[in-house]
Each structure stands twice: as structure tokens, then as C-alpha cells.
Amino acid sequence: MLESQIERYFCRKVRESGGLALKLSPAGTAGLPDRLVLLPGRRIAFVELKAPGKKPRPLQQKRINELQKLGFRAVCLDSYQKVDAFLEAVFE
């Protein structure tokens, strides 16, 4: 399975949940997660998407950690199951 397949699945599931999965393309700030996720109820998350078994690069992991320290939900997802579990957790 490819990263692009997981990303398409993720975006579709977010839309079905009534949210937006905006692609982040920040100039000058390397390592930010792939998607800024805006969900109903003012829920905000940052999501890095990877192919199954792949891990974030060190700079990407550093950015995820920084966002988490600021109190944001920031995760790396590498499977359909993790996408589903993430969305379930966000709506609990």
C-alpha cells in the first residue's frame, strides 16, 4: 500500500466526518505534518501520513513533538486502521 492511498482514505474519512483535511505546504518551515485537520466542535489536529511501517523523518518527529508540547493533537498515521482509530478518538 502506498502513502498516497492512505492519504486519500484519510481525506475521504475526514470529509465524511464533516471536517476539512487541509494540505500544509509551508514555505520556510520544513518538517510540518502533511495535513491540518479541522473537525466539527472546534477540534484541530496535525497529521503526518506515511506508507505502512514507515516512520517520520527526525525533523518531522521533532515538529510533531513541538506541536504536542503546545497542546495540539499531532500524530503519524500509516494504515487505514490507524486513520479509523484516530477519528474515533477525536470524536470521543
Protein backbone atom coordinates (compact mmCIF):
# COMPACT_ATOMS: atom_id res chain seq x y z
CA MET A 1 0.00 0.00 0.00
CA LEU A 2 1.22 3.49 -0.83
CA GLU A 3 1.23 6.65 1.27
CA SER A 4 -1.00 8.31 -1.34
CA GLN A 5 -3.67 5.62 -0.83
CA ILE A 6 -3.69 6.21 2.92
CA GLU A 7 -3.82 9.98 2.36
CA ARG A 8 -6.83 9.67 0.02
CA TYR A 9 -8.59 7.40 2.52
CA PHE A 10 -7.81 9.81 5.35
CA CYS A 11 -9.14 12.84 3.45
CA ARG A 12 -12.32 10.97 2.49
CA LYS A 13 -12.97 9.86 6.08
CA VAL A 14 -12.39 13.39 7.40
CA ARG A 15 -14.86 14.80 4.81
CA GLU A 16 -17.40 12.14 5.79
CA SER A 17 -16.98 13.30 9.40
CA GLY A 18 -17.86 16.84 8.37
CA GLY A 19 -14.31 18.16 8.54
CA LEU A 20 -11.51 19.51 6.41
CA ALA A 21 -8.06 17.99 5.88
CA LEU A 22 -6.04 20.91 4.53
CA LYS A 23 -2.70 20.21 2.86
CA LEU A 24 0.11 22.09 4.58
CA SER A 25 2.76 23.48 2.26
CA PRO A 26 4.56 25.97 4.46
CA ALA A 27 7.41 27.84 2.83
CA GLY A 28 10.36 28.14 5.16
CA THR A 29 9.21 25.65 7.82
CA ALA A 30 10.38 22.15 6.96
CA GLY A 31 9.06 19.08 8.70
CA LEU A 32 5.49 20.16 9.43
CA PRO A 33 2.87 17.40 9.20
CA ASP A 34 1.10 16.80 5.88
CA ARG A 35 -2.38 17.86 6.96
CA LEU A 36 -4.07 20.41 9.20
CA VAL A 37 -7.33 18.77 10.25
CA LEU A 38 -10.33 20.87 11.23
CA LEU A 39 -13.24 18.90 12.63
CA PRO A 40 -16.67 19.82 13.99
CA GLY A 41 -16.66 21.06 17.58
CA ARG A 42 -13.52 23.17 17.10
CA ARG A 43 -11.28 20.10 17.06
CA ILE A 44 -7.88 20.71 15.47
CA ALA A 45 -5.13 18.19 14.72
CA PHE A 46 -1.97 17.87 12.70
CA VAL A 47 -1.46 14.60 10.83
CA GLU A 48 1.59 13.16 9.11
CA LEU A 49 0.69 10.33 6.74
CA LYS A 50 3.09 7.53 5.86
CA ALA A 51 3.12 4.24 3.97
CA PRO A 52 2.61 1.20 6.24
CA GLY A 53 5.58 0.66 8.53
CA LYS A 54 7.28 3.92 7.60
CA LYS A 55 8.28 6.34 10.36
CA PRO A 56 8.52 10.14 10.32
CA ARG A 57 11.92 11.59 9.50
CA PRO A 58 13.74 13.04 12.54
CA LEU A 59 12.74 16.63 11.68
CA GLN A 60 9.12 15.57 11.17
CA GLN A 61 9.11 13.82 14.56
CA LYS A 62 10.63 16.93 16.13
CA ARG A 63 7.78 19.06 14.70
CA ILE A 64 5.17 16.56 15.90
CA ASN A 65 6.69 16.71 19.40
CA GLU A 66 6.72 20.53 19.34
CA LEU A 67 3.04 20.64 18.36
CA GLN A 68 2.16 18.15 21.10
CA LYS A 69 4.02 20.23 23.69
CA LEU A 70 1.89 23.21 22.63
CA GLY A 71 -1.20 21.15 23.41
CA PHE A 72 -2.21 20.17 19.88
CA ARG A 73 -3.10 16.68 18.78
CA ALA A 74 -0.31 15.70 16.36
CA VAL A 75 0.07 12.16 15.07
CA CYS A 76 1.61 9.99 12.39
CA LEU A 77 -0.75 7.51 10.71
CA ASP A 78 0.38 4.66 8.46
CA SER A 79 -2.70 2.47 7.95
CA TYR A 80 -6.45 2.58 7.37
CA GLN A 81 -6.92 1.11 10.86
CA LYS A 82 -4.91 3.93 12.45
CA VAL A 83 -6.92 6.51 10.49
CA ASP A 84 -10.17 5.00 11.79
CA ALA A 85 -8.85 4.79 15.37
CA PHE A 86 -7.64 8.41 15.20
CA LEU A 87 -11.05 9.68 14.08
CA GLU A 88 -12.83 7.63 16.74
CA ALA A 89 -10.53 9.05 19.43
CA VAL A 90 -11.04 12.63 18.24
CA PHE A 91 -14.84 12.29 18.49
CA GLU A 92 -14.87 10.66 21.95
